[in-house]
Amino acid sequence: MRYSVVRAGALVALIALASACGGSDGGEQPRLPKRYPATGVTKTIELRVEDKLWEVGPSALYRAWTYNGSIPGPTIEATAGDRIVVRLINNSNHPASVHTHLVEFEQSQDGVDGPSIAQPGQTVTYEWFAPYAVAVPYHDHAAEGEGVARGLIGALIVHAPDERPANEHVVVLSDLETRFFAQLPGVADPITGEFPDGGVYRGAHQYMHTMNGHAYEDAIPHFAGKVGELSRWRVISIGIEAHTFHIHGHRWFEPDGTLTDNIQLAPGTYKSFEFTEDKAGDWLVHCHFPNHMEGGMMTRYLVAP
């Protein structure tokens, strides 16, 4: 397999790596991320905060807060150097906001307090400048703990103008809370005592850990690839627990030269990596924490010859 070096999602981590590798031995210095000039292009997106019952899997219904009716919300894409304008329309009965990482904005656009929080019925506009090629989360910060747990999360992908064409896979890892489920397979309604139709009871930890808003192989959309293509992965972890992301039968290099097939992500962190695909098959993809796999964080990667 031919490899490409991982591109870490966190700019701070790259700068720290450059500092740690510096010295007087004359060794090769890591390449720092390029800051791209303004393109003069403005990308505008509308996000609507909507509360709904979200199907995490068969008969697993979650009382979700969503951007545009889904978990995660729509992937926001731009080119490095673009200006991004986000109009947040709050159609819910609770405050909400949008906060993101690694792009530039004024403190008044932070989504943390004051006028950058949309009250019920309000619309707030955020303006960001994206000078770096990154893949990062966006999420609620009005009530971050509950907002993120309920589903107010998404991915922002800023492409380098000169990046190679690739089959892009966006992966958002997140954690759910039992108290926000309206029903779970094999669990009786506390009022009526009735069990939901359908679904499979998967234990006390069922449906707690998700990929792209769903849990288990029968609900998480499978990733697809083809031998010979460049396969690029944007992996974002947003929730309350650390995770790993492991692809069976594949490998790539970390920035320090470590060969790996399993990356580690703390809450709120992100990494991108790529490789040239050469292994056809129906491959398992999962978090390597056993209870997270039991809780639903696993799916398939189908690679055609």
C-alpha atoms as a PDB file:
ATOM      1  CA  MET A   1       0.000   0.000   0.000  1.00  0.00           C
ATOM      2  CA  ARG A   2       1.248   3.518  -0.792  1.00  0.00           C
ATOM      3  CA  TYR A   3       0.880   5.925   2.098  1.00  0.00           C
ATOM      4  CA  SER A   4       0.279   9.614   2.666  1.00  0.00           C
ATOM      5  CA  VAL A   5       1.245  11.381   5.868  1.00  0.00           C
ATOM      6  CA  VAL A   6      -1.625  12.079   8.292  1.00  0.00           C
ATOM      7  CA  ARG A   7      -2.798  15.662   8.386  1.00  0.00           C
ATOM      8  CA  ALA A   8      -3.676  16.358  12.013  1.00  0.00           C
ATOM      9  CA  GLY A   9      -6.832  18.383  12.423  1.00  0.00           C
ATOM     10  CA  ALA A  10      -5.514  20.489  15.265  1.00  0.00           C
ATOM     11  CA  LEU A  11      -3.272  23.358  14.199  1.00  0.00           C
ATOM     12  CA  VAL A  12      -2.023  23.715  17.765  1.00  0.00           C
ATOM     13  CA  ALA A  13      -0.851  20.114  17.762  1.00  0.00           C
ATOM     14  CA  LEU A  14       1.143  20.649  14.589  1.00  0.00           C
ATOM     15  CA  ILE A  15       2.810  23.760  15.964  1.00  0.00           C
ATOM     16  CA  ALA A  16       3.667  21.907  19.161  1.00  0.00           C
ATOM     17  CA  LEU A  17       5.121  19.053  17.123  1.00  0.00           C
ATOM     18  CA  ALA A  18       7.263  21.500  15.154  1.00  0.00           C
ATOM     19  CA  SER A  19       8.576  23.008  18.391  1.00  0.00           C
ATOM     20  CA  ALA A  20       9.307  19.624  19.918  1.00  0.00           C
ATOM     21  CA  CYS A  21      11.204  18.489  16.832  1.00  0.00           C
ATOM     22  CA  GLY A  22      13.233  21.663  16.596  1.00  0.00           C
ATOM     23  CA  GLY A  23      16.848  21.790  17.656  1.00  0.00           C
ATOM     24  CA  SER A  24      20.377  22.313  16.482  1.00  0.00           C
ATOM     25  CA  ASP A  25      20.917  18.882  14.949  1.00  0.00           C
ATOM     26  CA  GLY A  26      20.062  20.131  11.474  1.00  0.00           C
ATOM     27  CA  GLY A  27      17.240  17.605  11.090  1.00  0.00           C
ATOM     28  CA  GLU A  28      14.361  18.152   8.703  1.00  0.00           C
ATOM     29  CA  GLN A  29      11.643  20.386  10.172  1.00  0.00           C
ATOM     30  CA  PRO A  30       7.955  19.464   9.881  1.00  0.00           C
ATOM     31  CA  ARG A  31       5.996  21.495   7.391  1.00  0.00           C
ATOM     32  CA  LEU A  32       3.635  23.897   9.122  1.00  0.00           C
ATOM     33  CA  PRO A  33       0.119  24.378   7.755  1.00  0.00           C
ATOM     34  CA  LYS A  34      -0.110  26.927   4.983  1.00  0.00           C
ATOM     35  CA  ARG A  35      -2.123  30.085   5.545  1.00  0.00           C
ATOM     36  CA  TYR A  36      -4.044  30.844   2.359  1.00  0.00           C
ATOM     37  CA  PRO A  37      -4.938  34.373   1.236  1.00  0.00           C
ATOM     38  CA  ALA A  38      -8.517  35.555   0.967  1.00  0.00           C
ATOM     39  CA  THR A  39     -10.291  34.271  -2.142  1.00  0.00           C
ATOM     40  CA  GLY A  40     -12.990  36.938  -2.171  1.00  0.00           C
ATOM     41  CA  VAL A  41     -15.583  34.148  -2.127  1.00  0.00           C
ATOM     42  CA  THR A  42     -18.354  34.027   0.477  1.00  0.00           C
ATOM     43  CA  LYS A  43     -20.047  30.711   1.286  1.00  0.00           C
ATOM     44  CA  THR A  44     -23.454  31.105   2.951  1.00  0.00           C
ATOM     45  CA  ILE A  45     -25.301  28.355   4.809  1.00  0.00           C
ATOM     46  CA  GLU A  46     -28.564  28.334   6.727  1.00  0.00           C
ATOM     47  CA  LEU A  47     -28.858  26.186   9.843  1.00  0.00           C
ATOM     48  CA  ARG A  48     -32.273  25.646  11.442  1.00  0.00           C
ATOM     49  CA  VAL A  49     -32.451  24.422  15.031  1.00  0.00           C
ATOM     50  CA  GLU A  50     -35.260  21.869  15.125  1.00  0.00           C
ATOM     51  CA  ASP A  51     -36.296  19.406  17.826  1.00  0.00           C
ATOM     52  CA  LYS A  52     -37.375  15.985  16.594  1.00  0.00           C
ATOM     53  CA  LEU A  53     -37.433  12.275  17.343  1.00  0.00           C
ATOM     54  CA  TRP A  54     -34.281  10.895  15.728  1.00  0.00           C
ATOM     55  CA  GLU A  55     -33.973   7.219  14.840  1.00  0.00           C
ATOM     56  CA  VAL A  56     -30.538   6.118  16.073  1.00  0.00           C
ATOM     57  CA  GLY A  57     -31.372   2.576  14.999  1.00  0.00           C
ATOM     58  CA  PRO A  58     -34.403   0.281  14.687  1.00  0.00           C
ATOM     59  CA  SER A  59     -36.824   1.155  17.535  1.00  0.00           C
ATOM     60  CA  ALA A  60     -34.192   3.405  19.170  1.00  0.00           C
ATOM     61  CA  LEU A  61     -35.776   6.876  19.189  1.00  0.00           C
ATOM     62  CA  TYR A  62     -33.938   9.889  20.614  1.00  0.00           C
ATOM     63  CA  ARG A  63     -35.365  13.244  21.700  1.00  0.00           C
ATOM     64  CA  ALA A  64     -32.910  15.182  19.599  1.00  0.00           C
ATOM     65  CA  TRP A  65     -32.007  18.801  19.034  1.00  0.00           C
ATOM     66  CA  THR A  66     -30.773  19.093  15.462  1.00  0.00           C
ATOM     67  CA  TYR A  67     -29.332  21.377  12.849  1.00  0.00           C
ATOM     68  CA  ASN A  68     -31.593  21.030   9.788  1.00  0.00           C
ATOM     69  CA  GLY A  69     -33.308  17.924  11.124  1.00  0.00           C
ATOM     70  CA  SER A  70     -30.375  15.508  11.250  1.00  0.00           C
ATOM     71  CA  ILE A  71     -27.529  14.283  13.450  1.00  0.00           C
ATOM     72  CA  PRO A  72     -24.949  15.387  12.571  1.00  0.00           C
ATOM     73  CA  GLY A  73     -26.063  18.576  10.852  1.00  0.00           C
ATOM     74  CA  PRO A  74     -25.117  19.264   7.232  1.00  0.00           C
ATOM     75  CA  THR A  75     -21.415  19.217   6.438  1.00  0.00           C
ATOM     76  CA  ILE A  76     -20.257  22.782   5.753  1.00  0.00           C
ATOM     77  CA  GLU A  77     -17.645  22.870   2.969  1.00  0.00           C
ATOM     78  CA  ALA A  78     -15.454  25.757   1.846  1.00  0.00           C
ATOM     79  CA  THR A  79     -12.065  26.426   0.278  1.00  0.00           C
ATOM     80  CA  ALA A  80      -9.210  27.848   2.332  1.00  0.00           C
ATOM     81  CA  GLY A  81      -9.350  31.635   2.002  1.00  0.00           C
ATOM     82  CA  ASP A  82     -13.155  31.748   1.836  1.00  0.00           C
ATOM     83  CA  ARG A  83     -15.426  33.789   4.066  1.00  0.00           C
ATOM     84  CA  ILE A  84     -18.208  31.688   5.612  1.00  0.00           C
ATOM     85  CA  VAL A  85     -21.530  33.143   6.689  1.00  0.00           C
ATOM     86  CA  VAL A  86     -23.843  30.987   8.818  1.00  0.00           C
ATOM     87  CA  ARG A  87     -27.450  32.052   9.463  1.00  0.00           C
ATOM     88  CA  LEU A  88     -28.776  30.222  12.516  1.00  0.00           C
ATOM     89  CA  ILE A  89     -32.600  30.186  12.730  1.00  0.00           C
ATOM     90  CA  ASN A  90     -33.801  28.921  16.086  1.00  0.00           C
ATOM     91  CA  ASN A  91     -37.126  27.130  15.596  1.00  0.00           C
ATOM     92  CA  SER A  92     -36.902  25.414  18.989  1.00  0.00           C
ATOM     93  CA  ASN A  93     -38.059  26.398  22.477  1.00  0.00           C
ATOM     94  CA  HIS A  94     -34.534  26.608  23.944  1.00  0.00           C
ATOM     95  CA  PRO A  95     -31.462  28.815  23.296  1.00  0.00           C
ATOM     96  CA  ALA A  96     -28.952  27.569  20.728  1.00  0.00           C
ATOM     97  CA  SER A  97     -25.803  28.721  18.965  1.00  0.00           C
ATOM     98  CA  VAL A  98     -22.994  27.678  16.616  1.00  0.00           C
ATOM     99  CA  HIS A  99     -19.347  27.529  17.662  1.00  0.00           C
ATOM    100  CA  THR A 100     -16.474  26.133  15.606  1.00  0.00           C
ATOM    101  CA  HIS A 101     -12.695  25.613  15.682  1.00  0.00           C
ATOM    102  CA  LEU A 102      -9.571  26.850  13.836  1.00  0.00           C
ATOM    103  CA  VAL A 103     -11.305  29.481  11.700  1.00  0.00           C
ATOM    104  CA  GLU A 104     -11.032  33.177  12.553  1.00  0.00           C
ATOM    105  CA  PHE A 105     -13.855  35.306  13.959  1.00  0.00           C
ATOM    106  CA  GLU A 106     -14.523  38.136  16.384  1.00  0.00           C
ATOM    107  CA  GLN A 107     -15.409  37.337  20.003  1.00  0.00           C
ATOM    108  CA  SER A 108     -18.948  38.540  19.309  1.00  0.00           C
ATOM    109  CA  GLN A 109     -19.267  35.613  16.830  1.00  0.00           C
ATOM    110  CA  ASP A 110     -18.123  32.943  19.280  1.00  0.00           C
ATOM    111  CA  GLY A 111     -21.537  31.392  20.003  1.00  0.00           C
ATOM    112  CA  VAL A 112     -20.831  31.426  23.738  1.00  0.00           C
ATOM    113  CA  ASP A 113     -22.765  34.353  25.195  1.00  0.00           C
ATOM    114  CA  GLY A 114     -24.630  37.585  24.552  1.00  0.00           C
ATOM    115  CA  PRO A 115     -25.845  38.340  21.032  1.00  0.00           C
ATOM    116  CA  SER A 116     -24.147  35.250  19.547  1.00  0.00           C
ATOM    117  CA  ILE A 117     -26.784  33.001  21.178  1.00  0.00           C
ATOM    118  CA  ALA A 118     -30.105  32.648  19.373  1.00  0.00           C
ATOM    119  CA  GLN A 119     -33.070  32.649  21.717  1.00  0.00           C
ATOM    120  CA  PRO A 120     -36.238  30.781  20.646  1.00  0.00           C
ATOM    121  CA  GLY A 121     -37.606  32.387  17.486  1.00  0.00           C
ATOM    122  CA  GLN A 122     -34.464  34.445  16.852  1.00  0.00           C
ATOM    123  CA  THR A 123     -31.979  34.400  13.956  1.00  0.00           C
ATOM    124  CA  VAL A 124     -28.264  35.025  14.515  1.00  0.00           C
ATOM    125  CA  THR A 125     -25.646  35.447  11.774  1.00  0.00           C
ATOM    126  CA  TYR A 126     -22.040  34.290  12.223  1.00  0.00           C
ATOM    127  CA  GLU A 127     -19.125  35.306  10.005  1.00  0.00           C
ATOM    128  CA  TRP A 128     -15.925  33.244   9.858  1.00  0.00           C
ATOM    129  CA  PHE A 129     -12.729  33.529   7.828  1.00  0.00           C
ATOM    130  CA  ALA A 130     -11.072  30.186   6.969  1.00  0.00           C
ATOM    131  CA  PRO A 131      -7.395  30.704   6.058  1.00  0.00           C
ATOM    132  CA  TYR A 132      -6.313  27.106   6.791  1.00  0.00           C
ATOM    133  CA  ALA A 133      -7.289  23.747   5.284  1.00  0.00           C
ATOM    134  CA  VAL A 134      -8.906  21.917   8.222  1.00  0.00           C
ATOM    135  CA  ALA A 135     -11.632  19.465   9.209  1.00  0.00           C
ATOM    136  CA  VAL A 136     -13.225  20.487  12.519  1.00  0.00           C
ATOM    137  CA  PRO A 137     -16.518  20.270  14.394  1.00  0.00           C
ATOM    138  CA  TYR A 138     -19.180  22.891  14.740  1.00  0.00           C
ATOM    139  CA  HIS A 139     -21.558  22.606  17.682  1.00  0.00           C
ATOM    140  CA  ASP A 140     -23.865  24.304  20.117  1.00  0.00           C
ATOM    141  CA  HIS A 141     -22.316  26.374  22.902  1.00  0.00           C
ATOM    142  CA  ALA A 142     -25.446  27.965  24.396  1.00  0.00           C
ATOM    143  CA  ALA A 143     -25.843  24.936  26.655  1.00  0.00           C
ATOM    144  CA  GLU A 144     -22.934  22.924  25.346  1.00  0.00           C
ATOM    145  CA  GLY A 145     -23.306  19.857  27.547  1.00  0.00           C
ATOM    146  CA  GLU A 146     -26.944  19.217  26.707  1.00  0.00           C
ATOM    147  CA  GLY A 147     -26.809  20.716  23.210  1.00  0.00           C
ATOM    148  CA  VAL A 148     -23.995  18.418  22.075  1.00  0.00           C
ATOM    149  CA  ALA A 149     -25.524  15.391  23.820  1.00  0.00           C
ATOM    150  CA  ARG A 150     -28.866  16.071  22.141  1.00  0.00           C
ATOM    151  CA  GLY A 151     -27.294  16.281  18.663  1.00  0.00           C
ATOM    152  CA  LEU A 152     -26.363  19.902  17.857  1.00  0.00           C
ATOM    153  CA  ILE A 153     -23.124  18.895  16.137  1.00  0.00           C
ATOM    154  CA  GLY A 154     -21.689  18.879  12.628  1.00  0.00           C
ATOM    155  CA  ALA A 155     -18.514  19.005  10.527  1.00  0.00           C
ATOM    156  CA  LEU A 156     -16.802  21.947   8.838  1.00  0.00           C
ATOM    157  CA  ILE A 157     -14.448  20.909   6.023  1.00  0.00           C
ATOM    158  CA  VAL A 158     -12.138  23.576   4.583  1.00  0.00           C
ATOM    159  CA  HIS A 159     -10.387  22.202   1.501  1.00  0.00           C
ATOM    160  CA  ALA A 160      -6.945  23.267   0.342  1.00  0.00           C
ATOM    161  CA  PRO A 161      -7.184  24.847  -3.132  1.00  0.00           C
ATOM    162  CA  ASP A 162      -4.452  22.503  -4.351  1.00  0.00           C
ATOM    163  CA  GLU A 163      -5.506  19.286  -2.609  1.00  0.00           C
ATOM    164  CA  ARG A 164      -5.565  16.098  -4.649  1.00  0.00           C
ATOM    165  CA  PRO A 165      -8.984  14.736  -5.644  1.00  0.00           C
ATOM    166  CA  ALA A 166     -10.022  11.933  -3.299  1.00  0.00           C
ATOM    167  CA  ASN A 167     -12.933   9.859  -2.101  1.00  0.00           C
ATOM    168  CA  GLU A 168     -13.770  11.817   1.063  1.00  0.00           C
ATOM    169  CA  HIS A 169     -15.214  10.147   4.151  1.00  0.00           C
ATOM    170  CA  VAL A 170     -16.535  12.371   6.946  1.00  0.00           C
ATOM    171  CA  VAL A 171     -16.891  10.608  10.291  1.00  0.00           C
ATOM    172  CA  VAL A 172     -18.466  12.252  13.349  1.00  0.00           C
ATOM    173  CA  LEU A 173     -18.133  10.235  16.563  1.00  0.00           C
ATOM    174  CA  SER A 174     -20.560  11.214  19.337  1.00  0.00           C
ATOM    175  CA  ASP A 175     -22.049   9.987  22.585  1.00  0.00           C
ATOM    176  CA  LEU A 176     -25.727   9.909  23.561  1.00  0.00           C
ATOM    177  CA  GLU A 177     -27.421   9.840  26.965  1.00  0.00           C
ATOM    178  CA  THR A 178     -30.009   7.307  28.118  1.00  0.00           C
ATOM    179  CA  ARG A 179     -32.222   9.977  29.696  1.00  0.00           C
ATOM    180  CA  PHE A 180     -32.936  11.542  26.301  1.00  0.00           C
ATOM    181  CA  PHE A 181     -34.218   8.363  24.623  1.00  0.00           C
ATOM    182  CA  ALA A 182     -37.956   8.163  24.023  1.00  0.00           C
ATOM    183  CA  GLN A 183     -37.669   4.398  23.544  1.00  0.00           C
ATOM    184  CA  LEU A 184     -35.054   1.650  23.274  1.00  0.00           C
ATOM    185  CA  PRO A 185     -35.365  -1.923  21.973  1.00  0.00           C
ATOM    186  CA  GLY A 186     -36.225  -4.387  24.699  1.00  0.00           C
ATOM    187  CA  VAL A 187     -36.870  -1.672  27.290  1.00  0.00           C
ATOM    188  CA  ALA A 188     -40.396  -1.252  28.653  1.00  0.00           C
ATOM    189  CA  ASP A 189     -42.073   2.145  28.673  1.00  0.00           C
ATOM    190  CA  PRO A 190     -41.922   3.345  32.314  1.00  0.00           C
ATOM    191  CA  ILE A 191     -45.575   4.491  32.210  1.00  0.00           C
ATOM    192  CA  THR A 192     -47.383   1.904  30.083  1.00  0.00           C
ATOM    193  CA  GLY A 193     -45.072  -1.056  30.631  1.00  0.00           C
ATOM    194  CA  GLU A 194     -45.230  -1.838  26.912  1.00  0.00           C
ATOM    195  CA  PHE A 195     -42.185  -2.844  24.878  1.00  0.00           C
ATOM    196  CA  PRO A 196     -41.471  -1.202  21.502  1.00  0.00           C
ATOM    197  CA  ASP A 197     -42.006  -3.203  18.351  1.00  0.00           C
ATOM    198  CA  GLY A 198     -38.928  -4.249  16.410  1.00  0.00           C
ATOM    199  CA  GLY A 199     -35.286  -3.735  17.109  1.00  0.00           C
ATOM    200  CA  VAL A 200     -32.887  -5.944  19.027  1.00  0.00           C
ATOM    201  CA  TYR A 201     -31.971  -5.517  22.676  1.00  0.00           C
ATOM    202  CA  ARG A 202     -28.180  -5.108  22.811  1.00  0.00           C
ATOM    203  CA  GLY A 203     -27.530  -4.758  26.527  1.00  0.00           C
ATOM    204  CA  ALA A 204     -27.462  -1.981  29.091  1.00  0.00           C
ATOM    205  CA  HIS A 205     -25.022   0.112  27.032  1.00  0.00           C
ATOM    206  CA  GLN A 206     -27.007  -0.055  23.781  1.00  0.00           C
ATOM    207  CA  TYR A 207     -27.127   2.935  21.413  1.00  0.00           C
ATOM    208  CA  MET A 208     -24.860   5.107  23.601  1.00  0.00           C
ATOM    209  CA  HIS A 209     -22.063   5.643  21.021  1.00  0.00           C
ATOM    210  CA  THR A 210     -22.630   6.634  17.408  1.00  0.00           C
ATOM    211  CA  MET A 211     -20.993   7.260  14.055  1.00  0.00           C
ATOM    212  CA  ASN A 212     -22.700   9.943  12.002  1.00  0.00           C
ATOM    213  CA  GLY A 213     -25.737   9.916  14.261  1.00  0.00           C
ATOM    214  CA  HIS A 214     -26.493   6.193  14.146  1.00  0.00           C
ATOM    215  CA  ALA A 215     -25.402   3.041  15.960  1.00  0.00           C
ATOM    216  CA  TYR A 216     -24.455  -0.486  14.843  1.00  0.00           C
ATOM    217  CA  GLU A 217     -23.860  -1.913  11.403  1.00  0.00           C
ATOM    218  CA  ASP A 218     -27.537  -2.157  10.517  1.00  0.00           C
ATOM    219  CA  ALA A 219     -28.101   1.593  10.943  1.00  0.00           C
ATOM    220  CA  ILE A 220     -24.810   3.456  10.367  1.00  0.00           C
ATOM    221  CA  PRO A 221     -24.461   4.115   6.615  1.00  0.00           C
ATOM    222  CA  HIS A 222     -21.588   2.004   5.306  1.00  0.00           C
ATOM    223  CA  PHE A 223     -18.528   3.709   3.858  1.00  0.00           C
ATOM    224  CA  ALA A 224     -17.636   2.799   0.268  1.00  0.00           C
ATOM    225  CA  GLY A 225     -14.373   2.795  -1.662  1.00  0.00           C
ATOM    226  CA  LYS A 226     -12.653   1.376  -4.713  1.00  0.00           C
ATOM    227  CA  VAL A 227      -9.200  -0.076  -5.246  1.00  0.00           C
ATOM    228  CA  GLY A 228      -6.852   2.454  -6.844  1.00  0.00           C
ATOM    229  CA  GLU A 229      -8.476   5.621  -5.521  1.00  0.00           C
ATOM    230  CA  LEU A 230      -7.107   8.038  -2.941  1.00  0.00           C
ATOM    231  CA  SER A 231      -9.145   7.494   0.233  1.00  0.00           C
ATOM    232  CA  ARG A 232      -9.288  10.526   2.556  1.00  0.00           C
ATOM    233  CA  TRP A 233     -10.820  10.360   6.036  1.00  0.00           C
ATOM    234  CA  ARG A 234     -11.951  13.326   8.155  1.00  0.00           C
ATOM    235  CA  VAL A 235     -12.618  12.021  11.674  1.00  0.00           C
ATOM    236  CA  ILE A 236     -14.149  14.265  14.338  1.00  0.00           C
ATOM    237  CA  SER A 237     -14.876  13.301  17.947  1.00  0.00           C
ATOM    238  CA  ILE A 238     -17.453  15.437  19.761  1.00  0.00           C
ATOM    239  CA  GLY A 239     -19.058  14.224  22.962  1.00  0.00           C
ATOM    240  CA  ILE A 240     -18.081  13.303  26.493  1.00  0.00           C
ATOM    241  CA  GLU A 241     -15.754  10.326  25.998  1.00  0.00           C
ATOM    242  CA  ALA A 242     -12.459   9.578  24.267  1.00  0.00           C
ATOM    243  CA  HIS A 243     -12.602   7.276  21.245  1.00  0.00           C
ATOM    244  CA  THR A 244     -10.392   5.550  18.734  1.00  0.00           C
ATOM    245  CA  PHE A 245     -11.074   5.007  15.029  1.00  0.00           C
ATOM    246  CA  HIS A 246      -9.794   1.744  13.591  1.00  0.00           C
ATOM    247  CA  ILE A 247     -10.094   0.490   9.992  1.00  0.00           C
ATOM    248  CA  HIS A 248      -9.406  -3.218   9.565  1.00  0.00           C
ATOM    249  CA  GLY A 249      -6.913  -4.219   6.872  1.00  0.00           C
ATOM    250  CA  HIS A 250      -5.487  -0.710   6.315  1.00  0.00           C
ATOM    251  CA  ARG A 251      -2.636   1.457   7.601  1.00  0.00           C
ATOM    252  CA  TRP A 252      -1.176   4.931   7.299  1.00  0.00           C
ATOM    253  CA  PHE A 253       1.501   7.140   8.889  1.00  0.00           C
ATOM    254  CA  GLU A 254       1.126   9.576  11.785  1.00  0.00           C
ATOM    255  CA  PRO A 255       2.978  12.948  11.521  1.00  0.00           C
ATOM    256  CA  ASP A 256       5.859  11.554  13.617  1.00  0.00           C
ATOM    257  CA  GLY A 257       6.313   8.635  11.228  1.00  0.00           C
ATOM    258  CA  THR A 258       4.464   6.069  13.355  1.00  0.00           C
ATOM    259  CA  LEU A 259       2.667   3.453  11.294  1.00  0.00           C
ATOM    260  CA  THR A 260      -0.904   3.050  12.536  1.00  0.00           C
ATOM    261  CA  ASP A 261      -4.359   1.735  11.743  1.00  0.00           C
ATOM    262  CA  ASN A 262      -6.051   3.176  14.823  1.00  0.00           C
ATOM    263  CA  ILE A 263      -6.132   6.865  15.781  1.00  0.00           C
ATOM    264  CA  GLN A 264      -6.992   8.260  19.210  1.00  0.00           C
ATOM    265  CA  LEU A 265      -9.289  11.249  19.733  1.00  0.00           C
ATOM    266  CA  ALA A 266     -10.291  13.069  22.905  1.00  0.00           C
ATOM    267  CA  PRO A 267     -13.611  14.933  22.991  1.00  0.00           C
ATOM    268  CA  GLY A 268     -13.532  17.928  20.672  1.00  0.00           C
ATOM    269  CA  THR A 269     -10.526  16.747  18.648  1.00  0.00           C
ATOM    270  CA  TYR A 270     -10.131  15.817  14.997  1.00  0.00           C
ATOM    271  CA  LYS A 271      -7.697  14.207  12.586  1.00  0.00           C
ATOM    272  CA  SER A 272      -7.476  13.706   8.836  1.00  0.00           C
ATOM    273  CA  PHE A 273      -5.509  11.017   7.034  1.00  0.00           C
ATOM    274  CA  GLU A 274      -5.379   9.426   3.598  1.00  0.00           C
ATOM    275  CA  PHE A 275      -4.031   6.417   1.770  1.00  0.00           C
ATOM    276  CA  THR A 276      -4.180   4.888  -1.694  1.00  0.00           C
ATOM    277  CA  GLU A 277      -6.754   2.098  -1.514  1.00  0.00           C
ATOM    278  CA  ASP A 278      -5.504  -1.368  -2.498  1.00  0.00           C
ATOM    279  CA  LYS A 279      -7.499  -3.805  -0.372  1.00  0.00           C
ATOM    280  CA  ALA A 280     -10.885  -4.922  -1.677  1.00  0.00           C
ATOM    281  CA  GLY A 281     -13.247  -6.359   0.903  1.00  0.00           C
ATOM    282  CA  ASP A 282     -16.013  -5.803   3.427  1.00  0.00           C
ATOM    283  CA  TRP A 283     -13.983  -4.302   6.276  1.00  0.00           C
ATOM    284  CA  LEU A 284     -15.015  -3.620   9.855  1.00  0.00           C
ATOM    285  CA  VAL A 285     -14.605  -0.029  11.118  1.00  0.00           C
ATOM    286  CA  HIS A 286     -14.996   0.688  14.837  1.00  0.00           C
ATOM    287  CA  CYS A 287     -13.910   2.365  18.041  1.00  0.00           C
ATOM    288  CA  HIS A 288     -11.535   0.071  19.936  1.00  0.00           C
ATOM    289  CA  PHE A 289     -13.011   0.682  23.402  1.00  0.00           C
ATOM    290  CA  PRO A 290     -14.959  -2.577  23.916  1.00  0.00           C
ATOM    291  CA  ASN A 291     -17.918  -0.904  25.634  1.00  0.00           C
ATOM    292  CA  HIS A 292     -18.120   1.661  22.829  1.00  0.00           C
ATOM    293  CA  MET A 293     -18.330  -1.131  20.260  1.00  0.00           C
ATOM    294  CA  GLU A 294     -21.032  -2.756  22.395  1.00  0.00           C
ATOM    295  CA  GLY A 295     -22.736   0.638  22.528  1.00  0.00           C
ATOM    296  CA  GLY A 296     -22.934   0.884  18.737  1.00  0.00           C
ATOM    297  CA  MET A 297     -19.758   2.510  17.411  1.00  0.00           C
ATOM    298  CA  MET A 298     -19.045   0.119  14.560  1.00  0.00           C
ATOM    299  CA  THR A 299     -19.921  -0.183  10.868  1.00  0.00           C
ATOM    300  CA  ARG A 300     -18.477  -1.462   7.565  1.00  0.00           C
ATOM    301  CA  TYR A 301     -16.174  -0.125   4.853  1.00  0.00           C
ATOM    302  CA  LEU A 302     -17.009  -1.764   1.516  1.00  0.00           C
ATOM    303  CA  VAL A 303     -14.105  -1.621  -0.967  1.00  0.00           C
ATOM    304  CA  ALA A 304     -14.816  -2.669  -4.550  1.00  0.00           C
ATOM    305  CA  PRO A 305     -12.055  -4.193  -6.732  1.00  0.00           C
END
